[in-house]
Amino acid sequence: MTYEQEFLQDFEAWIDSQIAVNEMAMAASRKLVEEDQDERAADAYIRYESKRDAYQFIRGKFDNYRSGKGFHEAPEGLVKKNTY
């Protein structure tokens, strides 16, 4: 495996781990909001969700790469409906 391939593989794995971490943090924040009505937890939830969405966007770029699409093409499912 070339240096570039290994780098991309490691970077993609890191992106996936960041998505998982932010999803766990979102779940913990949501639980605090529901149990304690903590406004700070509600703000934290929004920050974690924003980070997760950004990492998912980057993961979409890896999907584009694997499907032979250009870097600047929008990843599939970029525009999705969030429910709150």
N, C-alpha and C. Protein backbone atom coordinates (compact mmCIF):
# COMPACT_ATOMS: atom_id res chain seq x y z
N MET A 1 0.85 -1.16 0.00
CA MET A 1 0.00 0.00 0.00
C MET A 1 0.90 1.24 0.00
N THR A 2 0.55 2.20 -0.84
CA THR A 2 1.36 3.41 -0.91
C THR A 2 1.09 4.30 0.31
N TYR A 3 1.99 5.23 0.49
CA TYR A 3 1.85 6.19 1.59
C TYR A 3 0.52 6.93 1.49
N GLU A 4 0.14 7.36 0.28
CA GLU A 4 -1.10 8.10 0.08
C GLU A 4 -2.31 7.24 0.42
N GLN A 5 -2.30 5.98 0.00
CA GLN A 5 -3.42 5.09 0.29
C GLN A 5 -3.55 4.84 1.79
N GLU A 6 -2.41 4.64 2.43
CA GLU A 6 -2.43 4.41 3.88
C GLU A 6 -2.94 5.66 4.61
N PHE A 7 -2.48 6.84 4.16
CA PHE A 7 -2.91 8.09 4.77
C PHE A 7 -4.42 8.25 4.62
N LEU A 8 -4.95 8.03 3.42
CA LEU A 8 -6.38 8.18 3.19
C LEU A 8 -7.18 7.17 4.02
N GLN A 9 -6.67 5.95 4.13
CA GLN A 9 -7.35 4.94 4.92
C GLN A 9 -7.38 5.34 6.40
N ASP A 10 -6.25 5.80 6.92
CA ASP A 10 -6.20 6.24 8.32
C ASP A 10 -7.07 7.46 8.55
N PHE A 11 -7.06 8.40 7.61
CA PHE A 11 -7.88 9.60 7.75
C PHE A 11 -9.36 9.25 7.75
N GLU A 12 -9.76 8.36 6.87
CA GLU A 12 -11.17 7.95 6.82
C GLU A 12 -11.57 7.25 8.12
N ALA A 13 -10.70 6.42 8.66
CA ALA A 13 -10.99 5.76 9.93
C ALA A 13 -11.13 6.79 11.04
N TRP A 14 -10.28 7.81 11.03
CA TRP A 14 -10.37 8.87 12.04
C TRP A 14 -11.68 9.64 11.91
N ILE A 15 -12.07 9.94 10.68
CA ILE A 15 -13.35 10.63 10.45
C ILE A 15 -14.49 9.79 11.01
N ASP A 16 -14.48 8.49 10.73
CA ASP A 16 -15.54 7.61 11.24
C ASP A 16 -15.55 7.60 12.77
N SER A 17 -14.38 7.62 13.39
CA SER A 17 -14.33 7.62 14.86
C SER A 17 -14.87 8.95 15.41
N GLN A 18 -14.60 10.05 14.72
CA GLN A 18 -15.11 11.34 15.16
C GLN A 18 -16.63 11.40 15.05
N ILE A 19 -17.18 10.80 14.02
CA ILE A 19 -18.64 10.73 13.87
C ILE A 19 -19.23 9.94 15.04
N ALA A 20 -18.62 8.81 15.36
CA ALA A 20 -19.11 7.98 16.47
C ALA A 20 -19.02 8.73 17.80
N VAL A 21 -17.90 9.41 18.04
CA VAL A 21 -17.72 10.16 19.29
C VAL A 21 -18.79 11.25 19.41
N ASN A 22 -19.01 11.98 18.34
CA ASN A 22 -20.00 13.06 18.39
C ASN A 22 -21.42 12.53 18.53
N GLU A 23 -21.71 11.36 17.95
CA GLU A 23 -23.03 10.77 18.14
C GLU A 23 -23.24 10.33 19.59
N MET A 24 -22.18 9.78 20.21
CA MET A 24 -22.29 9.41 21.63
C MET A 24 -22.47 10.66 22.49
N ALA A 25 -21.75 11.72 22.18
CA ALA A 25 -21.89 12.96 22.94
C ALA A 25 -23.28 13.56 22.76
N MET A 26 -23.82 13.44 21.55
CA MET A 26 -25.18 13.93 21.30
C MET A 26 -26.18 13.17 22.16
N ALA A 27 -26.02 11.86 22.24
CA ALA A 27 -26.93 11.04 23.03
C ALA A 27 -26.84 11.41 24.52
N ALA A 28 -25.62 11.61 25.00
CA ALA A 28 -25.44 11.99 26.41
C ALA A 28 -26.05 13.37 26.67
N SER A 29 -25.84 14.29 25.76
CA SER A 29 -26.40 15.64 25.92
C SER A 29 -27.91 15.60 25.90
N ARG A 30 -28.47 14.83 24.98
CA ARG A 30 -29.93 14.72 24.89
C ARG A 30 -30.50 14.16 26.19
N LYS A 31 -29.82 13.17 26.75
CA LYS A 31 -30.27 12.57 28.01
C LYS A 31 -30.28 13.61 29.12
N LEU A 32 -29.22 14.43 29.20
CA LEU A 32 -29.16 15.48 30.21
C LEU A 32 -30.27 16.52 30.01
N VAL A 33 -30.54 16.86 28.77
CA VAL A 33 -31.61 17.82 28.49
C VAL A 33 -32.95 17.25 28.96
N GLU A 34 -33.20 16.00 28.64
CA GLU A 34 -34.48 15.39 29.01
C GLU A 34 -34.63 15.22 30.51
N GLU A 35 -33.53 14.87 31.19
CA GLU A 35 -33.61 14.61 32.63
C GLU A 35 -33.57 15.88 33.46
N ASP A 36 -32.68 16.81 33.09
CA ASP A 36 -32.43 17.97 33.96
C ASP A 36 -32.84 19.31 33.34
N GLN A 37 -33.31 19.30 32.11
CA GLN A 37 -33.64 20.54 31.41
C GLN A 37 -32.45 21.51 31.41
N ASP A 38 -31.26 20.97 31.27
CA ASP A 38 -30.02 21.75 31.32
C ASP A 38 -29.80 22.47 29.99
N GLU A 39 -29.80 23.80 30.02
CA GLU A 39 -29.61 24.58 28.80
C GLU A 39 -28.22 24.38 28.21
N ARG A 40 -27.22 24.22 29.07
CA ARG A 40 -25.87 24.00 28.57
C ARG A 40 -25.79 22.70 27.78
N ALA A 41 -26.51 21.69 28.23
CA ALA A 41 -26.53 20.42 27.50
C ALA A 41 -27.23 20.58 26.16
N ALA A 42 -28.26 21.42 26.12
CA ALA A 42 -28.94 21.67 24.84
C ALA A 42 -28.00 22.37 23.86
N ASP A 43 -27.23 23.32 24.36
CA ASP A 43 -26.25 23.99 23.50
C ASP A 43 -25.17 23.01 23.04
N ALA A 44 -24.72 22.16 23.96
CA ALA A 44 -23.70 21.17 23.63
C ALA A 44 -24.22 20.23 22.55
N TYR A 45 -25.49 19.82 22.66
CA TYR A 45 -26.08 18.94 21.67
C TYR A 45 -25.98 19.55 20.27
N ILE A 46 -26.29 20.82 20.17
CA ILE A 46 -26.23 21.50 18.87
C ILE A 46 -24.80 21.53 18.34
N ARG A 47 -23.83 21.79 19.22
CA ARG A 47 -22.43 21.81 18.78
C ARG A 47 -21.99 20.43 18.31
N TYR A 48 -22.34 19.39 19.06
CA TYR A 48 -21.95 18.03 18.65
C TYR A 48 -22.63 17.64 17.35
N GLU A 49 -23.87 18.04 17.18
CA GLU A 49 -24.58 17.73 15.94
C GLU A 49 -23.91 18.43 14.75
N SER A 50 -23.50 19.67 14.94
CA SER A 50 -22.84 20.41 13.87
C SER A 50 -21.52 19.75 13.49
N LYS A 51 -20.76 19.34 14.50
CA LYS A 51 -19.49 18.66 14.23
C LYS A 51 -19.73 17.35 13.49
N ARG A 52 -20.72 16.59 13.96
CA ARG A 52 -21.03 15.32 13.31
C ARG A 52 -21.40 15.54 11.85
N ASP A 53 -22.23 16.55 11.59
CA ASP A 53 -22.63 16.83 10.22
C ASP A 53 -21.42 17.19 9.35
N ALA A 54 -20.48 17.94 9.91
CA ALA A 54 -19.28 18.31 9.15
C ALA A 54 -18.44 17.07 8.83
N TYR A 55 -18.28 16.19 9.82
CA TYR A 55 -17.52 14.95 9.57
C TYR A 55 -18.24 14.05 8.57
N GLN A 56 -19.57 14.02 8.61
CA GLN A 56 -20.31 13.23 7.63
C GLN A 56 -20.13 13.79 6.23
N PHE A 57 -20.03 15.11 6.13
CA PHE A 57 -19.78 15.73 4.83
C PHE A 57 -18.43 15.26 4.29
N ILE A 58 -17.41 15.26 5.16
CA ILE A 58 -16.08 14.82 4.73
C ILE A 58 -16.12 13.34 4.35
N ARG A 59 -16.86 12.53 5.11
CA ARG A 59 -16.98 11.12 4.76
C ARG A 59 -17.62 10.98 3.38
N GLY A 60 -18.54 11.87 3.05
CA GLY A 60 -19.15 11.86 1.72
C GLY A 60 -18.13 12.10 0.63
N LYS A 61 -17.10 12.88 0.93
CA LYS A 61 -16.04 13.11 -0.05
C LYS A 61 -15.27 11.81 -0.32
N PHE A 62 -15.07 11.00 0.73
CA PHE A 62 -14.44 9.69 0.53
C PHE A 62 -15.34 8.79 -0.32
N ASP A 63 -16.64 8.86 -0.12
CA ASP A 63 -17.57 8.09 -0.94
C ASP A 63 -17.48 8.53 -2.40
N ASN A 64 -17.38 9.85 -2.61
CA ASN A 64 -17.20 10.36 -3.97
C ASN A 64 -15.93 9.80 -4.59
N TYR A 65 -14.85 9.81 -3.83
CA TYR A 65 -13.56 9.32 -4.31
C TYR A 65 -13.67 7.86 -4.75
N ARG A 66 -14.32 7.04 -3.92
CA ARG A 66 -14.47 5.62 -4.26
C ARG A 66 -15.37 5.41 -5.46
N SER A 67 -16.35 6.31 -5.67
CA SER A 67 -17.24 6.15 -6.83
C SER A 67 -16.73 6.85 -8.08
N GLY A 68 -15.55 7.45 -7.99
CA GLY A 68 -14.96 8.08 -9.17
C GLY A 68 -15.50 9.47 -9.45
N LYS A 69 -16.20 10.07 -8.51
CA LYS A 69 -16.72 11.42 -8.70
C LYS A 69 -15.63 12.43 -8.37
N GLY A 70 -15.83 13.65 -8.84
CA GLY A 70 -14.90 14.72 -8.56
C GLY A 70 -15.00 15.20 -7.11
N PHE A 71 -13.94 15.84 -6.64
CA PHE A 71 -13.90 16.33 -5.27
C PHE A 71 -15.01 17.33 -4.99
N HIS A 72 -15.31 18.19 -5.94
CA HIS A 72 -16.25 19.27 -5.72
C HIS A 72 -17.71 18.87 -5.97
N GLU A 73 -17.96 17.64 -6.35
CA GLU A 73 -19.34 17.20 -6.48
C GLU A 73 -19.91 17.00 -5.09
N ALA A 74 -21.18 17.32 -4.94
CA ALA A 74 -21.83 17.19 -3.63
C ALA A 74 -22.00 15.71 -3.31
N PRO A 75 -21.67 15.32 -2.08
CA PRO A 75 -21.87 13.93 -1.69
C PRO A 75 -23.35 13.56 -1.70
N GLU A 76 -23.64 12.29 -1.94
CA GLU A 76 -25.01 11.80 -1.93
C GLU A 76 -25.62 12.05 -0.55
N GLY A 77 -26.87 12.47 -0.53
CA GLY A 77 -27.57 12.66 0.73
C GLY A 77 -27.13 13.89 1.50
N LEU A 78 -26.45 14.82 0.81
CA LEU A 78 -25.97 16.01 1.50
C LEU A 78 -27.13 16.82 2.06
N VAL A 79 -28.13 17.00 1.25
CA VAL A 79 -29.31 17.75 1.69
C VAL A 79 -30.31 16.75 2.23
N LYS A 80 -30.42 16.74 3.54
CA LYS A 80 -31.34 15.81 4.16
C LYS A 80 -32.17 16.57 5.18
N LYS A 81 -33.26 15.99 5.55
CA LYS A 81 -34.15 16.64 6.47
C LYS A 81 -33.80 16.22 7.90
N ASN A 82 -33.44 17.19 8.71
CA ASN A 82 -33.19 16.93 10.13
C ASN A 82 -34.49 17.09 10.88
N THR A 83 -34.72 16.22 11.82
CA THR A 83 -35.92 16.35 12.66
C THR A 83 -35.46 16.64 14.07
N TYR A 84 -36.13 17.55 14.69
CA TYR A 84 -35.78 17.96 16.04
C TYR A 84 -36.90 17.64 16.99
